[in-house]
Amino acid sequence: MFKIETELENWLQKYDQDMGERQNEYEQIFSDYKEESSQLKELEDRFQEVEVRYDNIMEERRIAQEQQEQAEREHQTAVRAAITIQAYWKSFKCRKALKSKGKKKGAKGGKKKGKK
């Protein structure tokens, strides 16, 4: 009987020791968890602030890009319009010059005076 009591007591001591170690490990892990949870919360808060600023910056960049593209399209439209106007003007001047040359040539051809 004494042997069983001693064995039972040893088992209880071992159980208490194992449970004590596990409790200490649990408390250490739980305190680490609490610390990391608070760090996570701080990082999430900072991330939210940074994300808002990032979204604002990206929106500003998108608007600036759209404005730049619109200005480029307007510039290209103006260039095409200028090219068209210049082409019409050059053709007008060319036709005018050809008409005046034709009239001058006809007038000179009929009025030739020279020595025979």
PDB file of N, CA and C in Angstrom:
ATOM      1  N   MET A   1       0.812  -1.172   0.000  1.00  0.00           N
ATOM      2  CA  MET A   1       0.000   0.000   0.000  1.00  0.00           C
ATOM      3  C   MET A   1       0.875   1.262   0.000  1.00  0.00           C
ATOM      4  N   PHE A   2       1.907   1.231   0.779  1.00  0.00           N
ATOM      5  CA  PHE A   2       2.812   2.367   0.845  1.00  0.00           C
ATOM      6  C   PHE A   2       3.415   2.647  -0.531  1.00  0.00           C
ATOM      7  N   LYS A   3       3.729   1.599  -1.248  1.00  0.00           N
ATOM      8  CA  LYS A   3       4.306   1.738  -2.584  1.00  0.00           C
ATOM      9  C   LYS A   3       3.312   2.439  -3.519  1.00  0.00           C
ATOM     10  N   ILE A   4       2.054   2.077  -3.437  1.00  0.00           N
ATOM     11  CA  ILE A   4       1.022   2.683  -4.290  1.00  0.00           C
ATOM     12  C   ILE A   4       0.857   4.156  -3.915  1.00  0.00           C
ATOM     13  N   GLU A   5       0.870   4.443  -2.624  1.00  0.00           N
ATOM     14  CA  GLU A   5       0.737   5.841  -2.195  1.00  0.00           C
ATOM     15  C   GLU A   5       1.922   6.660  -2.684  1.00  0.00           C
ATOM     16  N   THR A   6       3.102   6.113  -2.602  1.00  0.00           N
ATOM     17  CA  THR A   6       4.298   6.800  -3.060  1.00  0.00           C
ATOM     18  C   THR A   6       4.239   7.010  -4.569  1.00  0.00           C
ATOM     19  N   GLU A   7       3.820   5.965  -5.269  1.00  0.00           N
ATOM     20  CA  GLU A   7       3.703   6.079  -6.728  1.00  0.00           C
ATOM     21  C   GLU A   7       2.647   7.118  -7.105  1.00  0.00           C
ATOM     22  N   LEU A   8       1.534   7.084  -6.397  1.00  0.00           N
ATOM     23  CA  LEU A   8       0.463   8.059  -6.640  1.00  0.00           C
ATOM     24  C   LEU A   8       0.950   9.473  -6.327  1.00  0.00           C
ATOM     25  N   GLU A   9       1.679   9.607  -5.267  1.00  0.00           N
ATOM     26  CA  GLU A   9       2.220  10.920  -4.906  1.00  0.00           C
ATOM     27  C   GLU A   9       3.208  11.405  -5.960  1.00  0.00           C
ATOM     28  N   ASN A  10       4.045  10.516  -6.452  1.00  0.00           N
ATOM     29  CA  ASN A  10       4.989  10.863  -7.522  1.00  0.00           C
ATOM     30  C   ASN A  10       4.243  11.318  -8.772  1.00  0.00           C
ATOM     31  N   TRP A  11       3.181  10.566  -9.113  1.00  0.00           N
ATOM     32  CA  TRP A  11       2.368  10.932 -10.288  1.00  0.00           C
ATOM     33  C   TRP A  11       1.717  12.300 -10.091  1.00  0.00           C
ATOM     34  N   LEU A  12       1.236  12.574  -8.898  1.00  0.00           N
ATOM     35  CA  LEU A  12       0.616  13.879  -8.611  1.00  0.00           C
ATOM     36  C   LEU A  12       1.651  14.998  -8.702  1.00  0.00           C
ATOM     37  N   GLN A  13       2.851  14.741  -8.174  1.00  0.00           N
ATOM     38  CA  GLN A  13       3.906  15.749  -8.252  1.00  0.00           C
ATOM     39  C   GLN A  13       4.297  15.995  -9.706  1.00  0.00           C
ATOM     40  N   LYS A  14       4.425  14.917 -10.467  1.00  0.00           N
ATOM     41  CA  LYS A  14       4.773  15.057 -11.873  1.00  0.00           C
ATOM     42  C   LYS A  14       3.672  15.813 -12.609  1.00  0.00           C
ATOM     43  N   TYR A  15       2.412  15.454 -12.286  1.00  0.00           N
ATOM     44  CA  TYR A  15       1.279  16.151 -12.918  1.00  0.00           C
ATOM     45  C   TYR A  15       1.304  17.637 -12.572  1.00  0.00           C
ATOM     46  N   ASP A  16       1.491  17.944 -11.277  1.00  0.00           N
ATOM     47  CA  ASP A  16       1.550  19.336 -10.841  1.00  0.00           C
ATOM     48  C   ASP A  16       2.698  20.080 -11.506  1.00  0.00           C
ATOM     49  N   GLN A  17       3.833  19.410 -11.598  1.00  0.00           N
ATOM     50  CA  GLN A  17       4.998  20.030 -12.236  1.00  0.00           C
ATOM     51  C   GLN A  17       4.703  20.286 -13.726  1.00  0.00           C
ATOM     52  N   ASP A  18       4.177  19.280 -14.427  1.00  0.00           N
ATOM     53  CA  ASP A  18       3.847  19.448 -15.853  1.00  0.00           C
ATOM     54  C   ASP A  18       2.802  20.554 -16.040  1.00  0.00           C
ATOM     55  N   MET A  19       1.797  20.555 -15.206  1.00  0.00           N
ATOM     56  CA  MET A  19       0.758  21.575 -15.317  1.00  0.00           C
ATOM     57  C   MET A  19       1.320  22.963 -14.989  1.00  0.00           C
ATOM     58  N   GLY A  20       2.221  23.039 -14.033  1.00  0.00           N
ATOM     59  CA  GLY A  20       2.863  24.315 -13.700  1.00  0.00           C
ATOM     60  C   GLY A  20       3.671  24.833 -14.885  1.00  0.00           C
ATOM     61  N   GLU A  21       4.444  23.910 -15.495  1.00  0.00           N
ATOM     62  CA  GLU A  21       5.235  24.296 -16.665  1.00  0.00           C
ATOM     63  C   GLU A  21       4.323  24.738 -17.812  1.00  0.00           C
ATOM     64  N   ARG A  22       3.252  23.978 -18.028  1.00  0.00           N
ATOM     65  CA  ARG A  22       2.319  24.326 -19.104  1.00  0.00           C
ATOM     66  C   ARG A  22       1.610  25.644 -18.813  1.00  0.00           C
ATOM     67  N   GLN A  23       1.289  25.864 -17.546  1.00  0.00           N
ATOM     68  CA  GLN A  23       0.645  27.134 -17.172  1.00  0.00           C
ATOM     69  C   GLN A  23       1.598  28.301 -17.413  1.00  0.00           C
ATOM     70  N   ASN A  24       2.862  28.133 -17.033  1.00  0.00           N
ATOM     71  CA  ASN A  24       3.866  29.173 -17.274  1.00  0.00           C
ATOM     72  C   ASN A  24       4.035  29.416 -18.776  1.00  0.00           C
ATOM     73  N   GLU A  25       4.103  28.331 -19.539  1.00  0.00           N
ATOM     74  CA  GLU A  25       4.224  28.453 -20.997  1.00  0.00           C
ATOM     75  C   GLU A  25       3.001  29.161 -21.575  1.00  0.00           C
ATOM     76  N   TYR A  26       1.816  28.780 -21.076  1.00  0.00           N
ATOM     77  CA  TYR A  26       0.579  29.408 -21.539  1.00  0.00           C
ATOM     78  C   TYR A  26       0.590  30.905 -21.221  1.00  0.00           C
ATOM     79  N   GLU A  27       0.995  31.253 -20.007  1.00  0.00           N
ATOM     80  CA  GLU A  27       1.035  32.660 -19.608  1.00  0.00           C
ATOM     81  C   GLU A  27       2.035  33.442 -20.450  1.00  0.00           C
ATOM     82  N   GLN A  28       3.187  32.842 -20.741  1.00  0.00           N
ATOM     83  CA  GLN A  28       4.191  33.494 -21.592  1.00  0.00           C
ATOM     84  C   GLN A  28       3.637  33.711 -22.998  1.00  0.00           C
ATOM     85  N   ILE A  29       3.029  32.665 -23.550  1.00  0.00           N
ATOM     86  CA  ILE A  29       2.454  32.771 -24.897  1.00  0.00           C
ATOM     87  C   ILE A  29       1.319  33.795 -24.907  1.00  0.00           C
ATOM     88  N   PHE A  30       0.508  33.791 -23.861  1.00  0.00           N
ATOM     89  CA  PHE A  30      -0.612  34.735 -23.794  1.00  0.00           C
ATOM     90  C   PHE A  30      -0.109  36.172 -23.677  1.00  0.00           C
ATOM     91  N   SER A  31       0.943  36.387 -22.894  1.00  0.00           N
ATOM     92  CA  SER A  31       1.483  37.752 -22.786  1.00  0.00           C
ATOM     93  C   SER A  31       2.109  38.179 -24.106  1.00  0.00           C
ATOM     94  N   ASP A  32       2.796  37.259 -24.789  1.00  0.00           N
ATOM     95  CA  ASP A  32       3.332  37.559 -26.120  1.00  0.00           C
ATOM     96  C   ASP A  32       2.200  37.885 -27.086  1.00  0.00           C
ATOM     97  N   TYR A  33       1.120  37.119 -26.986  1.00  0.00           N
ATOM     98  CA  TYR A  33      -0.048  37.353 -27.844  1.00  0.00           C
ATOM     99  C   TYR A  33      -0.629  38.739 -27.593  1.00  0.00           C
ATOM    100  N   LYS A  34      -0.769  39.097 -26.327  1.00  0.00           N
ATOM    101  CA  LYS A  34      -1.309  40.421 -25.983  1.00  0.00           C
ATOM    102  C   LYS A  34      -0.417  41.527 -26.546  1.00  0.00           C
ATOM    103  N   GLU A  35       0.881  41.367 -26.382  1.00  0.00           N
ATOM    104  CA  GLU A  35       1.839  42.355 -26.876  1.00  0.00           C
ATOM    105  C   GLU A  35       1.758  42.472 -28.397  1.00  0.00           C
ATOM    106  N   GLU A  36       1.748  41.331 -29.065  1.00  0.00           N
ATOM    107  CA  GLU A  36       1.673  41.342 -30.524  1.00  0.00           C
ATOM    108  C   GLU A  36       0.323  41.862 -31.009  1.00  0.00           C
ATOM    109  N   SER A  37      -0.726  41.582 -30.265  1.00  0.00           N
ATOM    110  CA  SER A  37      -2.049  42.112 -30.628  1.00  0.00           C
ATOM    111  C   SER A  37      -2.066  43.626 -30.543  1.00  0.00           C
ATOM    112  N   SER A  38      -1.445  44.172 -29.501  1.00  0.00           N
ATOM    113  CA  SER A  38      -1.398  45.631 -29.380  1.00  0.00           C
ATOM    114  C   SER A  38      -0.540  46.228 -30.492  1.00  0.00           C
ATOM    115  N   GLN A  39       0.572  45.569 -30.837  1.00  0.00           N
ATOM    116  CA  GLN A  39       1.399  46.035 -31.951  1.00  0.00           C
ATOM    117  C   GLN A  39       0.625  45.971 -33.263  1.00  0.00           C
ATOM    118  N   LEU A  40      -0.110  44.894 -33.448  1.00  0.00           N
ATOM    119  CA  LEU A  40      -0.929  44.744 -34.650  1.00  0.00           C
ATOM    120  C   LEU A  40      -1.956  45.874 -34.736  1.00  0.00           C
ATOM    121  N   LYS A  41      -2.582  46.175 -33.638  1.00  0.00           N
ATOM    122  CA  LYS A  41      -3.582  47.250 -33.607  1.00  0.00           C
ATOM    123  C   LYS A  41      -2.939  48.584 -33.990  1.00  0.00           C
ATOM    124  N   GLU A  42      -1.760  48.860 -33.430  1.00  0.00           N
ATOM    125  CA  GLU A  42      -1.053  50.096 -33.768  1.00  0.00           C
ATOM    126  C   GLU A  42      -0.697  50.132 -35.251  1.00  0.00           C
ATOM    127  N   LEU A  43      -0.204  49.008 -35.760  1.00  0.00           N
ATOM    128  CA  LEU A  43       0.171  48.950 -37.170  1.00  0.00           C
ATOM    129  C   LEU A  43      -1.049  49.086 -38.081  1.00  0.00           C
ATOM    130  N   GLU A  44      -2.155  48.482 -37.695  1.00  0.00           N
ATOM    131  CA  GLU A  44      -3.375  48.619 -38.490  1.00  0.00           C
ATOM    132  C   GLU A  44      -3.848  50.062 -38.513  1.00  0.00           C
ATOM    133  N   ASP A  45      -3.756  50.739 -37.371  1.00  0.00           N
ATOM    134  CA  ASP A  45      -4.144  52.157 -37.315  1.00  0.00           C
ATOM    135  C   ASP A  45      -3.253  52.997 -38.212  1.00  0.00           C
ATOM    136  N   ARG A  46      -1.945  52.772 -38.122  1.00  0.00           N
ATOM    137  CA  ARG A  46      -1.021  53.513 -38.985  1.00  0.00           C
ATOM    138  C   ARG A  46      -1.250  53.176 -40.453  1.00  0.00           C
ATOM    139  N   PHE A  47      -1.534  51.907 -40.724  1.00  0.00           N
ATOM    140  CA  PHE A  47      -1.803  51.504 -42.101  1.00  0.00           C
ATOM    141  C   PHE A  47      -3.041  52.211 -42.643  1.00  0.00           C
ATOM    142  N   GLN A  48      -4.065  52.328 -41.815  1.00  0.00           N
ATOM    143  CA  GLN A  48      -5.286  53.030 -42.238  1.00  0.00           C
ATOM    144  C   GLN A  48      -4.963  54.470 -42.610  1.00  0.00           C
ATOM    145  N   GLU A  49      -4.153  55.137 -41.789  1.00  0.00           N
ATOM    146  CA  GLU A  49      -3.771  56.518 -42.078  1.00  0.00           C
ATOM    147  C   GLU A  49      -2.973  56.601 -43.381  1.00  0.00           C
ATOM    148  N   VAL A  50      -2.009  55.692 -43.520  1.00  0.00           N
ATOM    149  CA  VAL A  50      -1.171  55.688 -44.724  1.00  0.00           C
ATOM    150  C   VAL A  50      -2.015  55.346 -45.951  1.00  0.00           C
ATOM    151  N   GLU A  51      -2.937  54.421 -45.791  1.00  0.00           N
ATOM    152  CA  GLU A  51      -3.792  54.026 -46.912  1.00  0.00           C
ATOM    153  C   GLU A  51      -4.657  55.190 -47.379  1.00  0.00           C
ATOM    154  N   VAL A  52      -5.168  55.963 -46.440  1.00  0.00           N
ATOM    155  CA  VAL A  52      -5.974  57.132 -46.807  1.00  0.00           C
ATOM    156  C   VAL A  52      -5.111  58.130 -47.573  1.00  0.00           C
ATOM    157  N   ARG A  53      -3.900  58.395 -47.069  1.00  0.00           N
ATOM    158  CA  ARG A  53      -3.003  59.308 -47.773  1.00  0.00           C
ATOM    159  C   ARG A  53      -2.629  58.758 -49.152  1.00  0.00           C
ATOM    160  N   TYR A  54      -2.362  57.462 -49.211  1.00  0.00           N
ATOM    161  CA  TYR A  54      -2.017  56.820 -50.483  1.00  0.00           C
ATOM    162  C   TYR A  54      -3.164  56.955 -51.483  1.00  0.00           C
ATOM    163  N   ASP A  55      -4.378  56.683 -51.021  1.00  0.00           N
ATOM    164  CA  ASP A  55      -5.543  56.805 -51.907  1.00  0.00           C
ATOM    165  C   ASP A  55      -5.699  58.233 -52.408  1.00  0.00           C
ATOM    166  N   ASN A  56      -5.478  59.216 -51.527  1.00  0.00           N
ATOM    167  CA  ASN A  56      -5.566  60.620 -51.942  1.00  0.00           C
ATOM    168  C   ASN A  56      -4.509  60.949 -52.992  1.00  0.00           C
ATOM    169  N   ILE A  57      -3.293  60.490 -52.749  1.00  0.00           N
ATOM    170  CA  ILE A  57      -2.202  60.747 -53.698  1.00  0.00           C
ATOM    171  C   ILE A  57      -2.499  60.085 -55.038  1.00  0.00           C
ATOM    172  N   MET A  58      -2.969  58.845 -55.001  1.00  0.00           N
ATOM    173  CA  MET A  58      -3.267  58.143 -56.240  1.00  0.00           C
ATOM    174  C   MET A  58      -4.414  58.823 -56.991  1.00  0.00           C
ATOM    175  N   GLU A  59      -5.394  59.339 -56.272  1.00  0.00           N
ATOM    176  CA  GLU A  59      -6.498  60.062 -56.909  1.00  0.00           C
ATOM    177  C   GLU A  59      -5.990  61.350 -57.552  1.00  0.00           C
ATOM    178  N   GLU A  60      -5.107  62.057 -56.839  1.00  0.00           N
ATOM    179  CA  GLU A  60      -4.522  63.279 -57.400  1.00  0.00           C
ATOM    180  C   GLU A  60      -3.716  62.954 -58.658  1.00  0.00           C
ATOM    181  N   ARG A  61      -2.954  61.877 -58.609  1.00  0.00           N
ATOM    182  CA  ARG A  61      -2.157  61.481 -59.780  1.00  0.00           C
ATOM    183  C   ARG A  61      -3.060  61.095 -60.946  1.00  0.00           C
ATOM    184  N   ARG A  62      -4.153  60.383 -60.645  1.00  0.00           N
ATOM    185  CA  ARG A  62      -5.080  59.982 -61.697  1.00  0.00           C
ATOM    186  C   ARG A  62      -5.710  61.206 -62.347  1.00  0.00           C
ATOM    187  N   ILE A  63      -6.113  62.169 -61.524  1.00  0.00           N
ATOM    188  CA  ILE A  63      -6.708  63.398 -62.059  1.00  0.00           C
ATOM    189  C   ILE A  63      -5.676  64.159 -62.886  1.00  0.00           C
ATOM    190  N   ALA A  64      -4.450  64.264 -62.380  1.00  0.00           N
ATOM    191  CA  ALA A  64      -3.394  64.957 -63.128  1.00  0.00           C
ATOM    192  C   ALA A  64      -3.122  64.247 -64.451  1.00  0.00           C
ATOM    193  N   GLN A  65      -3.106  62.922 -64.430  1.00  0.00           N
ATOM    194  CA  GLN A  65      -2.882  62.150 -65.654  1.00  0.00           C
ATOM    195  C   GLN A  65      -4.015  62.401 -66.651  1.00  0.00           C
ATOM    196  N   GLU A  66      -5.252  62.402 -66.167  1.00  0.00           N
ATOM    197  CA  GLU A  66      -6.381  62.660 -67.048  1.00  0.00           C
ATOM    198  C   GLU A  66      -6.301  64.069 -67.639  1.00  0.00           C
ATOM    199  N   GLN A  67      -5.918  65.032 -66.805  1.00  0.00           N
ATOM    200  CA  GLN A  67      -5.787  66.405 -67.303  1.00  0.00           C
ATOM    201  C   GLN A  67      -4.677  66.494 -68.346  1.00  0.00           C
ATOM    202  N   GLN A  68      -3.583  65.811 -68.098  1.00  0.00           N
ATOM    203  CA  GLN A  68      -2.471  65.816 -69.046  1.00  0.00           C
ATOM    204  C   GLN A  68      -2.892  65.166 -70.363  1.00  0.00           C
ATOM    205  N   GLU A  69      -3.602  64.059 -70.278  1.00  0.00           N
ATOM    206  CA  GLU A  69      -4.074  63.395 -71.486  1.00  0.00           C
ATOM    207  C   GLU A  69      -5.058  64.279 -72.243  1.00  0.00           C
ATOM    208  N   GLN A  70      -5.940  64.961 -71.516  1.00  0.00           N
ATOM    209  CA  GLN A  70      -6.898  65.874 -72.152  1.00  0.00           C
ATOM    210  C   GLN A  70      -6.156  67.017 -72.838  1.00  0.00           C
ATOM    211  N   ALA A  71      -5.158  67.577 -72.164  1.00  0.00           N
ATOM    212  CA  ALA A  71      -4.373  68.664 -72.757  1.00  0.00           C
ATOM    213  C   ALA A  71      -3.649  68.164 -74.013  1.00  0.00           C
ATOM    214  N   GLU A  72      -3.126  66.943 -73.957  1.00  0.00           N
ATOM    215  CA  GLU A  72      -2.435  66.369 -75.120  1.00  0.00           C
ATOM    216  C   GLU A  72      -3.416  66.179 -76.271  1.00  0.00           C
ATOM    217  N   ARG A  73      -4.625  65.679 -75.962  1.00  0.00           N
ATOM    218  CA  ARG A  73      -5.632  65.515 -77.021  1.00  0.00           C
ATOM    219  C   ARG A  73      -6.003  66.862 -77.633  1.00  0.00           C
ATOM    220  N   GLU A  74      -6.175  67.878 -76.781  1.00  0.00           N
ATOM    221  CA  GLU A  74      -6.499  69.216 -77.282  1.00  0.00           C
ATOM    222  C   GLU A  74      -5.362  69.758 -78.144  1.00  0.00           C
ATOM    223  N   HIS A  75      -4.127  69.527 -77.704  1.00  0.00           N
ATOM    224  CA  HIS A  75      -2.968  69.967 -78.469  1.00  0.00           C
ATOM    225  C   HIS A  75      -2.936  69.281 -79.832  1.00  0.00           C
ATOM    226  N   GLN A  76      -3.169  67.971 -79.854  1.00  0.00           N
ATOM    227  CA  GLN A  76      -3.171  67.231 -81.112  1.00  0.00           C
ATOM    228  C   GLN A  76      -4.289  67.727 -82.032  1.00  0.00           C
ATOM    229  N   THR A  77      -5.447  68.037 -81.462  1.00  0.00           N
ATOM    230  CA  THR A  77      -6.553  68.580 -82.255  1.00  0.00           C
ATOM    231  C   THR A  77      -6.159  69.927 -82.847  1.00  0.00           C
ATOM    232  N   ALA A  78      -5.519  70.765 -82.026  1.00  0.00           N
ATOM    233  CA  ALA A  78      -5.087  72.075 -82.506  1.00  0.00           C
ATOM    234  C   ALA A  78      -4.034  71.929 -83.606  1.00  0.00           C
ATOM    235  N   VAL A  79      -3.127  70.990 -83.460  1.00  0.00           N
ATOM    236  CA  VAL A  79      -2.086  70.762 -84.472  1.00  0.00           C
ATOM    237  C   VAL A  79      -2.728  70.299 -85.780  1.00  0.00           C
ATOM    238  N   ARG A  80      -3.656  69.347 -85.683  1.00  0.00           N
ATOM    239  CA  ARG A  80      -4.334  68.884 -86.908  1.00  0.00           C
ATOM    240  C   ARG A  80      -5.112  70.019 -87.565  1.00  0.00           C
ATOM    241  N   ALA A  81      -5.764  70.853 -86.759  1.00  0.00           N
ATOM    242  CA  ALA A  81      -6.507  71.993 -87.309  1.00  0.00           C
ATOM    243  C   ALA A  81      -5.547  72.968 -87.994  1.00  0.00           C
ATOM    244  N   ALA A  82      -4.404  73.230 -87.349  1.00  0.00           N
ATOM    245  CA  ALA A  82      -3.423  74.148 -87.933  1.00  0.00           C
ATOM    246  C   ALA A  82      -2.885  73.589 -89.243  1.00  0.00           C
ATOM    247  N   ILE A  83      -2.611  72.281 -89.278  1.00  0.00           N
ATOM    248  CA  ILE A  83      -2.107  71.655 -90.507  1.00  0.00           C
ATOM    249  C   ILE A  83      -3.145  71.776 -91.617  1.00  0.00           C
ATOM    250  N   THR A  84      -4.394  71.529 -91.272  1.00  0.00           N
ATOM    251  CA  THR A  84      -5.466  71.632 -92.271  1.00  0.00           C
ATOM    252  C   THR A  84      -5.597  73.059 -92.782  1.00  0.00           C
ATOM    253  N   ILE A  85      -5.588  74.023 -91.871  1.00  0.00           N
ATOM    254  CA  ILE A  85      -5.699  75.436 -92.273  1.00  0.00           C
ATOM    255  C   ILE A  85      -4.516  75.828 -93.148  1.00  0.00           C
ATOM    256  N   GLN A  86      -3.324  75.413 -92.750  1.00  0.00           N
ATOM    257  CA  GLN A  86      -2.132  75.735 -93.548  1.00  0.00           C
ATOM    258  C   GLN A  86      -2.196  75.094 -94.926  1.00  0.00           C
ATOM    259  N   ALA A  87      -2.689  73.870 -94.992  1.00  0.00           N
ATOM    260  CA  ALA A  87      -2.796  73.196 -96.288  1.00  0.00           C
ATOM    261  C   ALA A  87      -3.794  73.936 -97.187  1.00  0.00           C
ATOM    262  N   TYR A  88      -4.937  74.334 -96.634  1.00  0.00           N
ATOM    263  CA  TYR A  88      -5.908  75.081 -97.424  1.00  0.00           C
ATOM    264  C   TYR A  88      -5.330  76.424 -97.860  1.00  0.00           C
ATOM    265  N   TRP A  89      -4.618  77.077 -96.959  1.00  0.00           N
ATOM    266  CA  TRP A  89      -4.036  78.373 -97.288  1.00  0.00           C
ATOM    267  C   TRP A  89      -2.998  78.243 -98.399  1.00  0.00           C
ATOM    268  N   LYS A  90      -2.133  77.229 -98.289  1.00  0.00           N
ATOM    269  CA  LYS A  90      -1.122  77.010 -99.329  1.00  0.00           C
ATOM    270  C   LYS A  90      -1.766  76.702-100.675  1.00  0.00           C
ATOM    271  N   SER A  91      -2.806  75.867-100.667  1.00  0.00           N
ATOM    272  CA  SER A  91      -3.469  75.542-101.932  1.00  0.00           C
ATOM    273  C   SER A  91      -4.168  76.784-102.497  1.00  0.00           C
ATOM    274  N   PHE A  92      -4.744  77.600-101.617  1.00  0.00           N
ATOM    275  CA  PHE A  92      -5.381  78.845-102.075  1.00  0.00           C
ATOM    276  C   PHE A  92      -4.339  79.758-102.722  1.00  0.00           C
ATOM    277  N   LYS A  93      -3.210  79.924-102.061  1.00  0.00           N
ATOM    278  CA  LYS A  93      -2.143  80.782-102.587  1.00  0.00           C
ATOM    279  C   LYS A  93      -1.618  80.227-103.911  1.00  0.00           C
ATOM    280  N   CYS A  94      -1.470  78.898-103.976  1.00  0.00           N
ATOM    281  CA  CYS A  94      -0.968  78.267-105.194  1.00  0.00           C
ATOM    282  C   CYS A  94      -1.955  78.480-106.342  1.00  0.00           C
ATOM    283  N   ARG A  95      -3.239  78.266-106.098  1.00  0.00           N
ATOM    284  CA  ARG A  95      -4.245  78.470-107.141  1.00  0.00           C
ATOM    285  C   ARG A  95      -4.280  79.928-107.576  1.00  0.00           C
ATOM    286  N   LYS A  96      -4.178  80.826-106.615  1.00  0.00           N
ATOM    287  CA  LYS A  96      -4.188  82.254-106.919  1.00  0.00           C
ATOM    288  C   LYS A  96      -2.983  82.607-107.784  1.00  0.00           C
ATOM    289  N   ALA A  97      -1.815  82.055-107.423  1.00  0.00           N
ATOM    290  CA  ALA A  97      -0.593  82.320-108.183  1.00  0.00           C
ATOM    291  C   ALA A  97      -0.728  81.740-109.591  1.00  0.00           C
ATOM    292  N   LEU A  98      -1.290  80.547-109.732  1.00  0.00           N
ATOM    293  CA  LEU A  98      -1.457  79.934-111.044  1.00  0.00           C
ATOM    294  C   LEU A  98      -2.437  80.737-111.901  1.00  0.00           C
ATOM    295  N   LYS A  99      -3.491  81.237-111.302  1.00  0.00           N
ATOM    296  CA  LYS A  99      -4.454  82.047-112.043  1.00  0.00           C
ATOM    297  C   LYS A  99      -3.793  83.331-112.531  1.00  0.00           C
ATOM    298  N   SER A 100      -3.054  83.977-111.650  1.00  0.00           N
ATOM    299  CA  SER A 100      -2.424  85.231-112.045  1.00  0.00           C
ATOM    300  C   SER A 100      -1.331  84.978-113.089  1.00  0.00           C
ATOM    301  N   LYS A 101      -0.627  83.863-113.012  1.00  0.00           N
ATOM    302  CA  LYS A 101       0.377  83.525-114.012  1.00  0.00           C
ATOM    303  C   LYS A 101      -0.303  83.270-115.357  1.00  0.00           C
ATOM    304  N   GLY A 102      -1.441  82.579-115.297  1.00  0.00           N
ATOM    305  CA  GLY A 102      -2.167  82.289-116.523  1.00  0.00           C
ATOM    306  C   GLY A 102      -2.652  83.559-117.185  1.00  0.00           C
ATOM    307  N   LYS A 103      -3.119  84.515-116.460  1.00  0.00           N
ATOM    308  CA  LYS A 103      -3.592  85.782-116.993  1.00  0.00           C
ATOM    309  C   LYS A 103      -2.415  86.584-117.537  1.00  0.00           C
ATOM    310  N   LYS A 104      -1.313  86.613-116.827  1.00  0.00           N
ATOM    311  CA  LYS A 104      -0.138  87.366-117.273  1.00  0.00           C
ATOM    312  C   LYS A 104       0.426  86.748-118.548  1.00  0.00           C
ATOM    313  N   LYS A 105       0.475  85.422-118.591  1.00  0.00           N
ATOM    314  CA  LYS A 105       1.023  84.739-119.742  1.00  0.00           C
ATOM    315  C   LYS A 105       0.155  85.014-120.976  1.00  0.00           C
ATOM    316  N   GLY A 106      -1.142  84.942-120.792  1.00  0.00           N
ATOM    317  CA  GLY A 106      -2.052  85.221-121.895  1.00  0.00           C
ATOM    318  C   GLY A 106      -1.926  86.650-122.350  1.00  0.00           C
ATOM    319  N   ALA A 107      -1.746  87.569-121.466  1.00  0.00           N
ATOM    320  CA  ALA A 107      -1.634  88.976-121.816  1.00  0.00           C
ATOM    321  C   ALA A 107      -0.320  89.220-122.531  1.00  0.00           C
ATOM    322  N   LYS A 108       0.753  88.618-122.114  1.00  0.00           N
ATOM    323  CA  LYS A 108       2.054  88.796-122.749  1.00  0.00           C
ATOM    324  C   LYS A 108       2.058  88.159-124.136  1.00  0.00           C
ATOM    325  N   GLY A 109       1.442  87.024-124.257  1.00  0.00           N
ATOM    326  CA  GLY A 109       1.447  86.319-125.526  1.00  0.00           C
ATOM    327  C   GLY A 109       0.761  87.118-126.626  1.00  0.00           C
ATOM    328  N   GLY A 110      -0.268  87.839-126.344  1.00  0.00           N
ATOM    329  CA  GLY A 110      -0.999  88.610-127.331  1.00  0.00           C
ATOM    330  C   GLY A 110      -0.327  89.933-127.634  1.00  0.00           C
ATOM    331  N   LYS A 111       0.469  90.462-126.797  1.00  0.00           N
ATOM    332  CA  LYS A 111       1.026  91.786-126.957  1.00  0.00           C
ATOM    333  C   LYS A 111       2.512  91.719-127.302  1.00  0.00           C
ATOM    334  N   LYS A 112       2.967  90.710-127.905  1.00  0.00           N
ATOM    335  CA  LYS A 112       4.394  90.608-128.207  1.00  0.00           C
ATOM    336  C   LYS A 112       4.785  91.634-129.246  1.00  0.00           C
ATOM    337  N   LYS A 113       5.795  92.363-128.922  1.00  0.00           N
ATOM    338  CA  LYS A 113       6.342  93.345-129.856  1.00  0.00           C
ATOM    339  C   LYS A 113       7.810  93.027-129.988  1.00  0.00           C
ATOM    340  N   GLY A 114       8.242  93.049-131.115  1.00  0.00           N
ATOM    341  CA  GLY A 114       9.625  92.781-131.319  1.00  0.00           C
ATOM    342  C   GLY A 114      10.086  93.188-132.714  1.00  0.00           C
ATOM    343  N   LYS A 115      11.352  93.127-132.987  1.00  0.00           N
ATOM    344  CA  LYS A 115      11.898  93.489-134.276  1.00  0.00           C
ATOM    345  C   LYS A 115      11.761  92.329-135.225  1.00  0.00           C
ATOM    346  N   LYS A 116      11.447  92.666-136.451  1.00  0.00           N
ATOM    347  CA  LYS A 116      11.327  91.649-137.462  1.00  0.00           C
ATOM    348  C   LYS A 116      12.478  91.616-138.337  1.00  0.00           C
TER     349      LYS A 116
END
